[in-house]
């Protein structure tokens, strides 16, 4: 088994190489590392994060299959691993309209709401995003830091294989991905179905599903398969009692502690990466809260007990502790 990609939060191993005509077989290993603000691995690991995210993603792949959506999931492969069908990763120059068995070089993003801490909120505020694209008044600019609820879910695209990913329109998504008008319409439909399944399921647990994303690969027969991971606390944005119960809670911590402002300033001043201020570790209380949140979200999403050490606190208990800690800050 060959290590193909070592990411900041999960690794990918290839057991069998894909060809143009056949799927390969790969293994995702979800690590306990975490990353925010494109820093790379942060100074700590979160003990139960890898297991929680693997369980969540495997759960959602099962739910999608139950609803007739093809996925690349094969099987649970142990503690923090899952085995998947693998397709080829190609550059733009290698993708044609008749190419098969490859990952689309896109992230397909769905939104039910626009979070005031998300990138779209900032783009609407600075005028780089068109409000009408999201069913908002032409001159709309968010000012009050409140969540914006969309009249209906929307789907948009960003690049995936560039050094700095960009939000792009449908025409560019078609052009760089080698897909047709009909295929992009089908991919949008799949994204909206995924969103609806996740949104409806977590609502029963008291969770608000704000946004998320999928990736898609085209099979040897150019059929779309949902790939990578789905509906995890790292990939999607979930709220409970109005508070972020996803990776945003880690981002928020480093914003409150001032490190994000320092990082932003140093990057704007072109300070070399090896001389930028290293992130401090989370303090003990918040660190424990984050670890418990990953476990509690896994229990809430999957509907299954943790069964590995002590059961985590309930979402309600975590929300109470979350408010207490933030109140102190």
C-alpha atoms as a PDB file:
ATOM      1  CA  UNK A   1       0.000   0.000   0.000  1.00  0.00           C
ATOM      2  CA  UNK A   2       1.563   3.257  -1.202  1.00  0.00           C
ATOM      3  CA  UNK A   3       1.138   6.639   0.468  1.00  0.00           C
ATOM      4  CA  UNK A   4      -0.191   8.939  -2.268  1.00  0.00           C
ATOM      5  CA  UNK A   5      -1.069  12.068  -0.339  1.00  0.00           C
ATOM      6  CA  UNK A   6      -0.249  13.179   3.195  1.00  0.00           C
ATOM      7  CA  UNK A   7      -2.691  15.921   4.047  1.00  0.00           C
ATOM      8  CA  UNK A   8      -2.913  18.181   7.049  1.00  0.00           C
ATOM      9  CA  UNK A   9      -5.822  16.171   8.486  1.00  0.00           C
ATOM     10  CA  UNK A  10      -6.062  12.908   6.535  1.00  0.00           C
ATOM     11  CA  UNK A  11      -3.796  10.664   4.475  1.00  0.00           C
ATOM     12  CA  UNK A  12      -4.574   8.661   1.336  1.00  0.00           C
ATOM     13  CA  UNK A  13      -2.986   5.310   0.466  1.00  0.00           C
ATOM     14  CA  UNK A  14      -3.323   3.435  -2.830  1.00  0.00           C
ATOM     15  CA  UNK A  15      -3.826  -0.338  -2.737  1.00  0.00           C
ATOM     16  CA  UNK A  16      -4.571  -0.685  -6.449  1.00  0.00           C
ATOM     17  CA  UNK A  17      -3.838   1.938  -9.090  1.00  0.00           C
ATOM     18  CA  UNK A  18      -6.774   3.203 -11.184  1.00  0.00           C
ATOM     19  CA  UNK A  19      -6.676   3.160 -14.971  1.00  0.00           C
ATOM     20  CA  UNK A  20      -8.835   4.880 -17.556  1.00  0.00           C
ATOM     21  CA  UNK A  21     -11.045   1.784 -17.677  1.00  0.00           C
ATOM     22  CA  UNK A  22     -11.058   0.523 -14.075  1.00  0.00           C
ATOM     23  CA  UNK A  23     -11.382   1.911 -10.570  1.00  0.00           C
ATOM     24  CA  UNK A  24      -8.451   1.563  -8.259  1.00  0.00           C
ATOM     25  CA  UNK A  25      -8.717   0.880  -4.522  1.00  0.00           C
ATOM     26  CA  UNK A  26      -7.587   3.392  -1.933  1.00  0.00           C
ATOM     27  CA  UNK A  27      -7.643   3.855   1.842  1.00  0.00           C
ATOM     28  CA  UNK A  28      -8.310   7.091   3.698  1.00  0.00           C
ATOM     29  CA  UNK A  29      -6.740   7.383   7.135  1.00  0.00           C
ATOM     30  CA  UNK A  30      -8.272  10.159   9.217  1.00  0.00           C
ATOM     31  CA  UNK A  31      -5.655  11.555  11.571  1.00  0.00           C
ATOM     32  CA  UNK A  32      -6.055  13.394  14.870  1.00  0.00           C
ATOM     33  CA  UNK A  33      -4.290  16.449  13.431  1.00  0.00           C
ATOM     34  CA  UNK A  34      -6.140  19.689  12.797  1.00  0.00           C
ATOM     35  CA  UNK A  35      -5.476  22.705  10.613  1.00  0.00           C
ATOM     36  CA  UNK A  36      -6.948  26.201  10.394  1.00  0.00           C
ATOM     37  CA  UNK A  37      -6.256  29.244   8.190  1.00  0.00           C
ATOM     38  CA  UNK A  38      -4.074  27.185   5.804  1.00  0.00           C
ATOM     39  CA  UNK A  39      -1.337  26.959   8.438  1.00  0.00           C
ATOM     40  CA  UNK A  40      -0.826  23.230   8.167  1.00  0.00           C
ATOM     41  CA  UNK A  41      -0.652  20.952  11.190  1.00  0.00           C
ATOM     42  CA  UNK A  42      -1.268  22.764  14.437  1.00  0.00           C
ATOM     43  CA  UNK A  43       0.711  22.176  17.667  1.00  0.00           C
ATOM     44  CA  UNK A  44      -1.628  19.572  19.164  1.00  0.00           C
ATOM     45  CA  UNK A  45      -3.581  16.535  18.110  1.00  0.00           C
ATOM     46  CA  UNK A  46      -7.203  15.959  19.096  1.00  0.00           C
ATOM     47  CA  UNK A  47      -7.304  12.391  20.459  1.00  0.00           C
ATOM     48  CA  UNK A  48     -10.661  11.210  19.079  1.00  0.00           C
ATOM     49  CA  UNK A  49     -11.005  13.388  15.992  1.00  0.00           C
ATOM     50  CA  UNK A  50      -9.872  10.847  13.368  1.00  0.00           C
ATOM     51  CA  UNK A  51     -12.212   8.132  14.577  1.00  0.00           C
ATOM     52  CA  UNK A  52     -15.141  10.563  14.810  1.00  0.00           C
ATOM     53  CA  UNK A  53     -14.722  11.908  11.276  1.00  0.00           C
ATOM     54  CA  UNK A  54     -14.290   8.437   9.775  1.00  0.00           C
ATOM     55  CA  UNK A  55     -17.508   7.265  11.452  1.00  0.00           C
ATOM     56  CA  UNK A  56     -19.423  10.337  10.293  1.00  0.00           C
ATOM     57  CA  UNK A  57     -18.287  10.068   6.686  1.00  0.00           C
ATOM     58  CA  UNK A  58     -18.951   6.315   6.513  1.00  0.00           C
ATOM     59  CA  UNK A  59     -22.419   6.944   7.963  1.00  0.00           C
ATOM     60  CA  UNK A  60     -23.267   9.523   5.312  1.00  0.00           C
ATOM     61  CA  UNK A  61     -21.981   7.368   2.474  1.00  0.00           C
ATOM     62  CA  UNK A  62     -24.367   4.682   3.688  1.00  0.00           C
ATOM     63  CA  UNK A  63     -27.262   7.140   3.808  1.00  0.00           C
ATOM     64  CA  UNK A  64     -26.493   8.372   0.285  1.00  0.00           C
ATOM     65  CA  UNK A  65     -26.390   4.831  -1.087  1.00  0.00           C
ATOM     66  CA  UNK A  66     -29.751   4.143   0.584  1.00  0.00           C
ATOM     67  CA  UNK A  67     -31.128   7.092  -1.347  1.00  0.00           C
ATOM     68  CA  UNK A  68     -29.796   5.959  -4.716  1.00  0.00           C
ATOM     69  CA  UNK A  69     -26.703   8.172  -4.855  1.00  0.00           C
ATOM     70  CA  UNK A  70     -23.539   6.438  -6.061  1.00  0.00           C
ATOM     71  CA  UNK A  71     -20.472   6.880  -3.827  1.00  0.00           C
ATOM     72  CA  UNK A  72     -16.890   5.653  -3.863  1.00  0.00           C
ATOM     73  CA  UNK A  73     -17.223   4.057  -0.393  1.00  0.00           C
ATOM     74  CA  UNK A  74     -16.384   0.338  -0.194  1.00  0.00           C
ATOM     75  CA  UNK A  75     -16.092  -0.501   3.507  1.00  0.00           C
ATOM     76  CA  UNK A  76     -15.025   0.526   6.960  1.00  0.00           C
ATOM     77  CA  UNK A  77     -11.356  -0.447   7.267  1.00  0.00           C
ATOM     78  CA  UNK A  78     -10.823  -0.098  11.001  1.00  0.00           C
ATOM     79  CA  UNK A  79     -10.386   2.542  13.691  1.00  0.00           C
ATOM     80  CA  UNK A  80      -9.856   5.660  11.544  1.00  0.00           C
ATOM     81  CA  UNK A  81      -9.737   4.170   8.044  1.00  0.00           C
ATOM     82  CA  UNK A  82     -12.135   3.496   5.206  1.00  0.00           C
ATOM     83  CA  UNK A  83     -11.588   1.754   1.884  1.00  0.00           C
ATOM     84  CA  UNK A  84     -12.838   3.445  -1.295  1.00  0.00           C
ATOM     85  CA  UNK A  85     -12.905   3.162  -5.056  1.00  0.00           C
ATOM     86  CA  UNK A  86     -10.127   5.352  -6.437  1.00  0.00           C
ATOM     87  CA  UNK A  87     -10.044   7.277  -9.698  1.00  0.00           C
ATOM     88  CA  UNK A  88      -7.329   9.224 -11.448  1.00  0.00           C
ATOM     89  CA  UNK A  89      -6.280  12.772 -10.516  1.00  0.00           C
ATOM     90  CA  UNK A  90      -5.526  14.688 -13.686  1.00  0.00           C
ATOM     91  CA  UNK A  91      -4.371  18.181 -14.523  1.00  0.00           C
ATOM     92  CA  UNK A  92      -6.460  20.531 -16.633  1.00  0.00           C
ATOM     93  CA  UNK A  93      -4.465  19.724 -19.768  1.00  0.00           C
ATOM     94  CA  UNK A  94      -5.226  16.004 -19.455  1.00  0.00           C
ATOM     95  CA  UNK A  95      -9.011  16.369 -19.124  1.00  0.00           C
ATOM     96  CA  UNK A  96     -11.125  16.156 -22.277  1.00  0.00           C
ATOM     97  CA  UNK A  97     -14.856  15.752 -22.858  1.00  0.00           C
ATOM     98  CA  UNK A  98     -14.405  11.998 -23.382  1.00  0.00           C
ATOM     99  CA  UNK A  99     -11.966  11.394 -20.490  1.00  0.00           C
ATOM    100  CA  UNK A 100     -13.137   8.813 -17.973  1.00  0.00           C
ATOM    101  CA  UNK A 101     -12.368   7.633 -14.447  1.00  0.00           C
ATOM    102  CA  UNK A 102     -11.051  10.868 -12.945  1.00  0.00           C
ATOM    103  CA  UNK A 103     -11.724  13.264 -10.098  1.00  0.00           C
ATOM    104  CA  UNK A 104     -13.383  16.467 -11.150  1.00  0.00           C
ATOM    105  CA  UNK A 105     -10.999  19.321 -10.234  1.00  0.00           C
ATOM    106  CA  UNK A 106     -13.817  21.026  -8.336  1.00  0.00           C
ATOM    107  CA  UNK A 107     -15.287  21.501  -4.919  1.00  0.00           C
ATOM    108  CA  UNK A 108     -19.081  21.551  -5.156  1.00  0.00           C
ATOM    109  CA  UNK A 109     -20.401  23.756  -2.369  1.00  0.00           C
ATOM    110  CA  UNK A 110     -23.991  23.911  -1.146  1.00  0.00           C
ATOM    111  CA  UNK A 111     -25.383  26.591   1.127  1.00  0.00           C
ATOM    112  CA  UNK A 112     -28.598  26.856   3.116  1.00  0.00           C
ATOM    113  CA  UNK A 113     -27.485  29.946   5.004  1.00  0.00           C
ATOM    114  CA  UNK A 114     -24.617  32.415   4.849  1.00  0.00           C
ATOM    115  CA  UNK A 115     -22.616  32.476   8.057  1.00  0.00           C
ATOM    116  CA  UNK A 116     -21.125  35.785   9.233  1.00  0.00           C
ATOM    117  CA  UNK A 117     -17.819  33.978   9.810  1.00  0.00           C
ATOM    118  CA  UNK A 118     -17.743  32.418   6.339  1.00  0.00           C
ATOM    119  CA  UNK A 119     -15.911  33.530   3.213  1.00  0.00           C
ATOM    120  CA  UNK A 120     -19.094  34.280   1.263  1.00  0.00           C
ATOM    121  CA  UNK A 121     -20.224  36.776   3.904  1.00  0.00           C
ATOM    122  CA  UNK A 122     -16.916  38.614   3.487  1.00  0.00           C
ATOM    123  CA  UNK A 123     -17.205  38.528  -0.311  1.00  0.00           C
ATOM    124  CA  UNK A 124     -20.708  39.977  -0.154  1.00  0.00           C
ATOM    125  CA  UNK A 125     -19.500  42.684   2.176  1.00  0.00           C
ATOM    126  CA  UNK A 126     -16.538  43.727   0.008  1.00  0.00           C
ATOM    127  CA  UNK A 127     -18.556  43.506  -3.211  1.00  0.00           C
ATOM    128  CA  UNK A 128     -16.624  40.648  -4.841  1.00  0.00           C
ATOM    129  CA  UNK A 129     -19.720  38.373  -4.809  1.00  0.00           C
ATOM    130  CA  UNK A 130     -22.934  39.231  -6.639  1.00  0.00           C
ATOM    131  CA  UNK A 131     -25.875  39.219  -4.167  1.00  0.00           C
ATOM    132  CA  UNK A 132     -28.348  38.357  -6.927  1.00  0.00           C
ATOM    133  CA  UNK A 133     -26.541  35.023  -7.375  1.00  0.00           C
ATOM    134  CA  UNK A 134     -27.852  34.091  -3.930  1.00  0.00           C
ATOM    135  CA  UNK A 135     -31.381  35.463  -4.296  1.00  0.00           C
ATOM    136  CA  UNK A 136     -30.529  38.657  -2.413  1.00  0.00           C
ATOM    137  CA  UNK A 137     -31.285  42.270  -3.415  1.00  0.00           C
ATOM    138  CA  UNK A 138     -28.857  43.714  -5.965  1.00  0.00           C
ATOM    139  CA  UNK A 139     -27.220  46.204  -3.589  1.00  0.00           C
ATOM    140  CA  UNK A 140     -27.322  43.939  -0.544  1.00  0.00           C
ATOM    141  CA  UNK A 141     -24.358  44.232   1.843  1.00  0.00           C
ATOM    142  CA  UNK A 142     -24.351  42.385   5.183  1.00  0.00           C
ATOM    143  CA  UNK A 143     -23.478  44.710   8.004  1.00  0.00           C
ATOM    144  CA  UNK A 144     -24.855  43.385  11.280  1.00  0.00           C
ATOM    145  CA  UNK A 145     -22.997  40.072  11.650  1.00  0.00           C
ATOM    146  CA  UNK A 146     -26.169  37.990  11.560  1.00  0.00           C
ATOM    147  CA  UNK A 147     -26.781  34.710   9.766  1.00  0.00           C
ATOM    148  CA  UNK A 148     -28.428  35.159   6.349  1.00  0.00           C
ATOM    149  CA  UNK A 149     -31.040  32.509   5.516  1.00  0.00           C
ATOM    150  CA  UNK A 150     -31.377  31.827   1.790  1.00  0.00           C
ATOM    151  CA  UNK A 151     -34.803  31.385   0.218  1.00  0.00           C
ATOM    152  CA  UNK A 152     -33.604  28.060  -1.192  1.00  0.00           C
ATOM    153  CA  UNK A 153     -30.320  26.131  -1.131  1.00  0.00           C
ATOM    154  CA  UNK A 154     -27.760  27.107  -3.753  1.00  0.00           C
ATOM    155  CA  UNK A 155     -24.804  25.292  -5.317  1.00  0.00           C
ATOM    156  CA  UNK A 156     -21.556  26.902  -6.448  1.00  0.00           C
ATOM    157  CA  UNK A 157     -18.102  25.752  -7.465  1.00  0.00           C
ATOM    158  CA  UNK A 158     -14.502  26.408  -6.561  1.00  0.00           C
ATOM    159  CA  UNK A 159     -11.291  25.106  -8.072  1.00  0.00           C
ATOM    160  CA  UNK A 160      -9.550  22.234  -6.315  1.00  0.00           C
ATOM    161  CA  UNK A 161      -6.070  21.709  -7.760  1.00  0.00           C
ATOM    162  CA  UNK A 162      -4.716  25.259  -7.968  1.00  0.00           C
ATOM    163  CA  UNK A 163      -2.244  26.763  -5.515  1.00  0.00           C
ATOM    164  CA  UNK A 164      -4.930  29.193  -4.350  1.00  0.00           C
ATOM    165  CA  UNK A 165      -8.449  27.914  -5.022  1.00  0.00           C
ATOM    166  CA  UNK A 166     -10.959  30.281  -6.635  1.00  0.00           C
ATOM    167  CA  UNK A 167     -14.724  30.502  -6.780  1.00  0.00           C
ATOM    168  CA  UNK A 168     -15.789  30.078 -10.405  1.00  0.00           C
ATOM    169  CA  UNK A 169     -18.985  30.249 -12.449  1.00  0.00           C
ATOM    170  CA  UNK A 170     -20.688  27.322 -14.152  1.00  0.00           C
ATOM    171  CA  UNK A 171     -19.093  28.019 -17.533  1.00  0.00           C
ATOM    172  CA  UNK A 172     -15.560  27.804 -16.141  1.00  0.00           C
ATOM    173  CA  UNK A 173     -16.462  24.712 -14.091  1.00  0.00           C
ATOM    174  CA  UNK A 174     -17.606  23.041 -17.308  1.00  0.00           C
ATOM    175  CA  UNK A 175     -14.510  24.109 -19.202  1.00  0.00           C
ATOM    176  CA  UNK A 176     -11.860  22.972 -16.720  1.00  0.00           C
ATOM    177  CA  UNK A 177     -13.671  19.735 -15.814  1.00  0.00           C
ATOM    178  CA  UNK A 178     -14.427  18.342 -19.255  1.00  0.00           C
ATOM    179  CA  UNK A 179     -18.141  18.015 -18.515  1.00  0.00           C
ATOM    180  CA  UNK A 180     -21.262  18.957 -20.448  1.00  0.00           C
ATOM    181  CA  UNK A 181     -24.231  21.159 -19.578  1.00  0.00           C
ATOM    182  CA  UNK A 182     -26.246  18.029 -18.780  1.00  0.00           C
ATOM    183  CA  UNK A 183     -23.485  16.625 -16.573  1.00  0.00           C
ATOM    184  CA  UNK A 184     -23.078  19.798 -14.544  1.00  0.00           C
ATOM    185  CA  UNK A 185     -26.856  19.901 -14.062  1.00  0.00           C
ATOM    186  CA  UNK A 186     -26.749  16.311 -12.772  1.00  0.00           C
ATOM    187  CA  UNK A 187     -23.867  17.136 -10.421  1.00  0.00           C
ATOM    188  CA  UNK A 188     -25.779  20.113  -9.024  1.00  0.00           C
ATOM    189  CA  UNK A 189     -28.818  17.896  -8.513  1.00  0.00           C
ATOM    190  CA  UNK A 190     -26.694  15.349  -6.616  1.00  0.00           C
ATOM    191  CA  UNK A 191     -25.229  18.097  -4.412  1.00  0.00           C
ATOM    192  CA  UNK A 192     -28.700  19.359  -3.524  1.00  0.00           C
ATOM    193  CA  UNK A 193     -29.866  15.816  -2.705  1.00  0.00           C
ATOM    194  CA  UNK A 194     -26.842  15.280  -0.453  1.00  0.00           C
ATOM    195  CA  UNK A 195     -27.552  18.572   1.246  1.00  0.00           C
ATOM    196  CA  UNK A 196     -31.202  17.667   1.793  1.00  0.00           C
ATOM    197  CA  UNK A 197     -30.368  14.267   3.302  1.00  0.00           C
ATOM    198  CA  UNK A 198     -27.822  15.746   5.710  1.00  0.00           C
ATOM    199  CA  UNK A 199     -30.006  18.736   6.586  1.00  0.00           C
ATOM    200  CA  UNK A 200     -33.126  16.664   7.302  1.00  0.00           C
ATOM    201  CA  UNK A 201     -31.260  14.054   9.332  1.00  0.00           C
ATOM    202  CA  UNK A 202     -29.358  16.421  11.612  1.00  0.00           C
ATOM    203  CA  UNK A 203     -32.391  18.619  12.184  1.00  0.00           C
ATOM    204  CA  UNK A 204     -33.845  15.691  14.145  1.00  0.00           C
ATOM    205  CA  UNK A 205     -30.820  15.998  16.477  1.00  0.00           C
ATOM    206  CA  UNK A 206     -31.342  19.718  17.029  1.00  0.00           C
ATOM    207  CA  UNK A 207     -28.586  20.729  14.606  1.00  0.00           C
ATOM    208  CA  UNK A 208     -28.746  23.431  11.950  1.00  0.00           C
ATOM    209  CA  UNK A 209     -26.886  22.540   8.740  1.00  0.00           C
ATOM    210  CA  UNK A 210     -25.546  25.828   7.362  1.00  0.00           C
ATOM    211  CA  UNK A 211     -23.365  24.694   4.444  1.00  0.00           C
ATOM    212  CA  UNK A 212     -21.124  21.933   3.174  1.00  0.00           C
ATOM    213  CA  UNK A 213     -19.436  20.499   0.119  1.00  0.00           C
ATOM    214  CA  UNK A 214     -18.900  17.360  -1.887  1.00  0.00           C
ATOM    215  CA  UNK A 215     -16.363  16.187  -4.422  1.00  0.00           C
ATOM    216  CA  UNK A 216     -17.303  14.077  -7.416  1.00  0.00           C
ATOM    217  CA  UNK A 217     -15.443  11.617  -9.607  1.00  0.00           C
ATOM    218  CA  UNK A 218     -16.546  10.294 -12.983  1.00  0.00           C
ATOM    219  CA  UNK A 219     -16.412   6.513 -13.279  1.00  0.00           C
ATOM    220  CA  UNK A 220     -14.971   4.536 -16.238  1.00  0.00           C
ATOM    221  CA  UNK A 221     -18.472   4.960 -17.744  1.00  0.00           C
ATOM    222  CA  UNK A 222     -18.513   8.700 -16.833  1.00  0.00           C
ATOM    223  CA  UNK A 223     -21.144   8.197 -14.158  1.00  0.00           C
ATOM    224  CA  UNK A 224     -20.838  10.622 -11.211  1.00  0.00           C
ATOM    225  CA  UNK A 225     -19.816   9.193  -7.829  1.00  0.00           C
ATOM    226  CA  UNK A 226     -19.678  11.230  -4.623  1.00  0.00           C
ATOM    227  CA  UNK A 227     -16.091  10.984  -3.362  1.00  0.00           C
ATOM    228  CA  UNK A 228     -13.640  12.109  -0.682  1.00  0.00           C
ATOM    229  CA  UNK A 229     -15.668  12.717   2.513  1.00  0.00           C
ATOM    230  CA  UNK A 230     -19.197  13.870   3.240  1.00  0.00           C
ATOM    231  CA  UNK A 231     -20.993  15.644   6.058  1.00  0.00           C
ATOM    232  CA  UNK A 232     -18.254  15.619   8.678  1.00  0.00           C
ATOM    233  CA  UNK A 233     -17.755  18.196  11.414  1.00  0.00           C
ATOM    234  CA  UNK A 234     -14.658  19.387   9.531  1.00  0.00           C
ATOM    235  CA  UNK A 235     -16.229  19.669   6.071  1.00  0.00           C
ATOM    236  CA  UNK A 236     -19.688  21.057   6.851  1.00  0.00           C
ATOM    237  CA  UNK A 237     -20.861  23.840   9.117  1.00  0.00           C
ATOM    238  CA  UNK A 238     -23.295  22.818  11.871  1.00  0.00           C
ATOM    239  CA  UNK A 239     -24.860  24.963  14.582  1.00  0.00           C
ATOM    240  CA  UNK A 240     -26.384  23.921  17.876  1.00  0.00           C
ATOM    241  CA  UNK A 241     -28.231  26.515  19.933  1.00  0.00           C
ATOM    242  CA  UNK A 242     -26.770  29.161  17.621  1.00  0.00           C
ATOM    243  CA  UNK A 243     -23.142  28.124  18.212  1.00  0.00           C
ATOM    244  CA  UNK A 244     -20.725  26.518  15.760  1.00  0.00           C
ATOM    245  CA  UNK A 245     -20.319  22.815  16.502  1.00  0.00           C
ATOM    246  CA  UNK A 246     -17.805  22.223  13.721  1.00  0.00           C
ATOM    247  CA  UNK A 247     -14.214  23.157  12.925  1.00  0.00           C
ATOM    248  CA  UNK A 248     -15.272  26.796  13.136  1.00  0.00           C
ATOM    249  CA  UNK A 249     -15.105  26.550  16.932  1.00  0.00           C
ATOM    250  CA  UNK A 250     -11.337  26.034  16.591  1.00  0.00           C
ATOM    251  CA  UNK A 251     -11.016  28.953  14.180  1.00  0.00           C
ATOM    252  CA  UNK A 252     -13.028  31.112  16.582  1.00  0.00           C
ATOM    253  CA  UNK A 253     -10.651  30.235  19.425  1.00  0.00           C
ATOM    254  CA  UNK A 254      -7.590  31.416  17.495  1.00  0.00           C
ATOM    255  CA  UNK A 255      -9.423  34.563  16.426  1.00  0.00           C
ATOM    256  CA  UNK A 256     -10.341  35.332  20.047  1.00  0.00           C
ATOM    257  CA  UNK A 257      -6.781  34.671  21.192  1.00  0.00           C
ATOM    258  CA  UNK A 258      -5.412  37.146  18.631  1.00  0.00           C
ATOM    259  CA  UNK A 259      -3.203  34.698  16.713  1.00  0.00           C
ATOM    260  CA  UNK A 260      -5.278  35.013  13.517  1.00  0.00           C
ATOM    261  CA  UNK A 261      -4.802  38.798  13.466  1.00  0.00           C
ATOM    262  CA  UNK A 262      -1.061  38.320  13.953  1.00  0.00           C
ATOM    263  CA  UNK A 263      -0.926  35.733  11.160  1.00  0.00           C
ATOM    264  CA  UNK A 264      -2.919  37.961   8.798  1.00  0.00           C
ATOM    265  CA  UNK A 265      -0.631  40.919   9.468  1.00  0.00           C
ATOM    266  CA  UNK A 266       2.552  38.882   8.980  1.00  0.00           C
ATOM    267  CA  UNK A 267       1.253  37.420   5.726  1.00  0.00           C
ATOM    268  CA  UNK A 268       0.353  40.885   4.434  1.00  0.00           C
ATOM    269  CA  UNK A 269       3.885  42.014   5.325  1.00  0.00           C
ATOM    270  CA  UNK A 270       5.345  39.039   3.389  1.00  0.00           C
ATOM    271  CA  UNK A 271       6.999  37.591   6.495  1.00  0.00           C
ATOM    272  CA  UNK A 272       8.545  34.229   5.468  1.00  0.00           C
ATOM    273  CA  UNK A 273       6.622  31.177   6.656  1.00  0.00           C
ATOM    274  CA  UNK A 274       9.443  29.973   8.921  1.00  0.00           C
ATOM    275  CA  UNK A 275       9.512  33.358  10.713  1.00  0.00           C
ATOM    276  CA  UNK A 276       5.769  33.743  11.207  1.00  0.00           C
ATOM    277  CA  UNK A 277       4.401  33.483  14.735  1.00  0.00           C
ATOM    278  CA  UNK A 278       3.617  29.873  15.592  1.00  0.00           C
ATOM    279  CA  UNK A 279       0.097  29.171  16.863  1.00  0.00           C
ATOM    280  CA  UNK A 280      -0.142  28.556  20.599  1.00  0.00           C
ATOM    281  CA  UNK A 281      -1.760  25.322  21.788  1.00  0.00           C
ATOM    282  CA  UNK A 282      -5.356  25.491  22.960  1.00  0.00           C
ATOM    283  CA  UNK A 283      -5.659  25.811  26.719  1.00  0.00           C
ATOM    284  CA  UNK A 284      -6.647  22.677  28.613  1.00  0.00           C
ATOM    285  CA  UNK A 285     -10.321  23.537  29.125  1.00  0.00           C
ATOM    286  CA  UNK A 286     -11.038  24.498  25.526  1.00  0.00           C
ATOM    287  CA  UNK A 287      -8.978  21.574  24.244  1.00  0.00           C
ATOM    288  CA  UNK A 288     -11.162  19.149  26.223  1.00  0.00           C
ATOM    289  CA  UNK A 289     -14.286  20.920  24.967  1.00  0.00           C
ATOM    290  CA  UNK A 290     -13.197  20.531  21.336  1.00  0.00           C
ATOM    291  CA  UNK A 291     -12.391  16.842  21.755  1.00  0.00           C
ATOM    292  CA  UNK A 292     -15.755  16.186  23.416  1.00  0.00           C
ATOM    293  CA  UNK A 293     -17.522  18.128  20.648  1.00  0.00           C
ATOM    294  CA  UNK A 294     -16.045  15.914  17.921  1.00  0.00           C
ATOM    295  CA  UNK A 295     -17.218  12.817  19.782  1.00  0.00           C
ATOM    296  CA  UNK A 296     -20.643  14.239  20.621  1.00  0.00           C
ATOM    297  CA  UNK A 297     -21.207  15.318  17.019  1.00  0.00           C
ATOM    298  CA  UNK A 298     -20.298  11.824  15.856  1.00  0.00           C
ATOM    299  CA  UNK A 299     -22.862  10.328  18.238  1.00  0.00           C
ATOM    300  CA  UNK A 300     -25.511  12.852  17.154  1.00  0.00           C
ATOM    301  CA  UNK A 301     -24.882  12.372  13.430  1.00  0.00           C
ATOM    302  CA  UNK A 302     -24.627   8.591  13.387  1.00  0.00           C
ATOM    303  CA  UNK A 303     -27.170   7.876  16.127  1.00  0.00           C
ATOM    304  CA  UNK A 304     -24.732   5.323  17.589  1.00  0.00           C
ATOM    305  CA  UNK A 305     -22.945   5.255  20.932  1.00  0.00           C
ATOM    306  CA  UNK A 306     -19.289   6.176  21.053  1.00  0.00           C
ATOM    307  CA  UNK A 307     -18.226   2.778  22.473  1.00  0.00           C
ATOM    308  CA  UNK A 308     -14.592   3.758  22.859  1.00  0.00           C
ATOM    309  CA  UNK A 309     -13.888   4.958  26.355  1.00  0.00           C
ATOM    310  CA  UNK A 310     -16.433   7.133  28.116  1.00  0.00           C
ATOM    311  CA  UNK A 311     -19.504   8.421  26.337  1.00  0.00           C
ATOM    312  CA  UNK A 312     -19.166  12.141  25.532  1.00  0.00           C
ATOM    313  CA  UNK A 313     -21.384  14.813  27.083  1.00  0.00           C
ATOM    314  CA  UNK A 314     -24.625  15.636  25.278  1.00  0.00           C
ATOM    315  CA  UNK A 315     -24.798  18.499  22.789  1.00  0.00           C
ATOM    316  CA  UNK A 316     -26.785  20.463  25.362  1.00  0.00           C
ATOM    317  CA  UNK A 317     -24.101  19.939  28.021  1.00  0.00           C
ATOM    318  CA  UNK A 318     -21.371  20.967  25.590  1.00  0.00           C
ATOM    319  CA  UNK A 319     -23.334  24.091  24.608  1.00  0.00           C
ATOM    320  CA  UNK A 320     -23.564  25.075  28.275  1.00  0.00           C
ATOM    321  CA  UNK A 321     -19.810  24.603  28.798  1.00  0.00           C
ATOM    322  CA  UNK A 322     -19.081  26.403  25.535  1.00  0.00           C
ATOM    323  CA  UNK A 323     -21.040  29.459  26.703  1.00  0.00           C
ATOM    324  CA  UNK A 324     -19.283  29.396  30.081  1.00  0.00           C
ATOM    325  CA  UNK A 325     -15.817  29.346  28.520  1.00  0.00           C
ATOM    326  CA  UNK A 326     -16.620  32.056  25.967  1.00  0.00           C
ATOM    327  CA  UNK A 327     -18.137  34.167  28.727  1.00  0.00           C
ATOM    328  CA  UNK A 328     -14.846  34.061  30.603  1.00  0.00           C
ATOM    329  CA  UNK A 329     -12.928  35.149  27.513  1.00  0.00           C
END
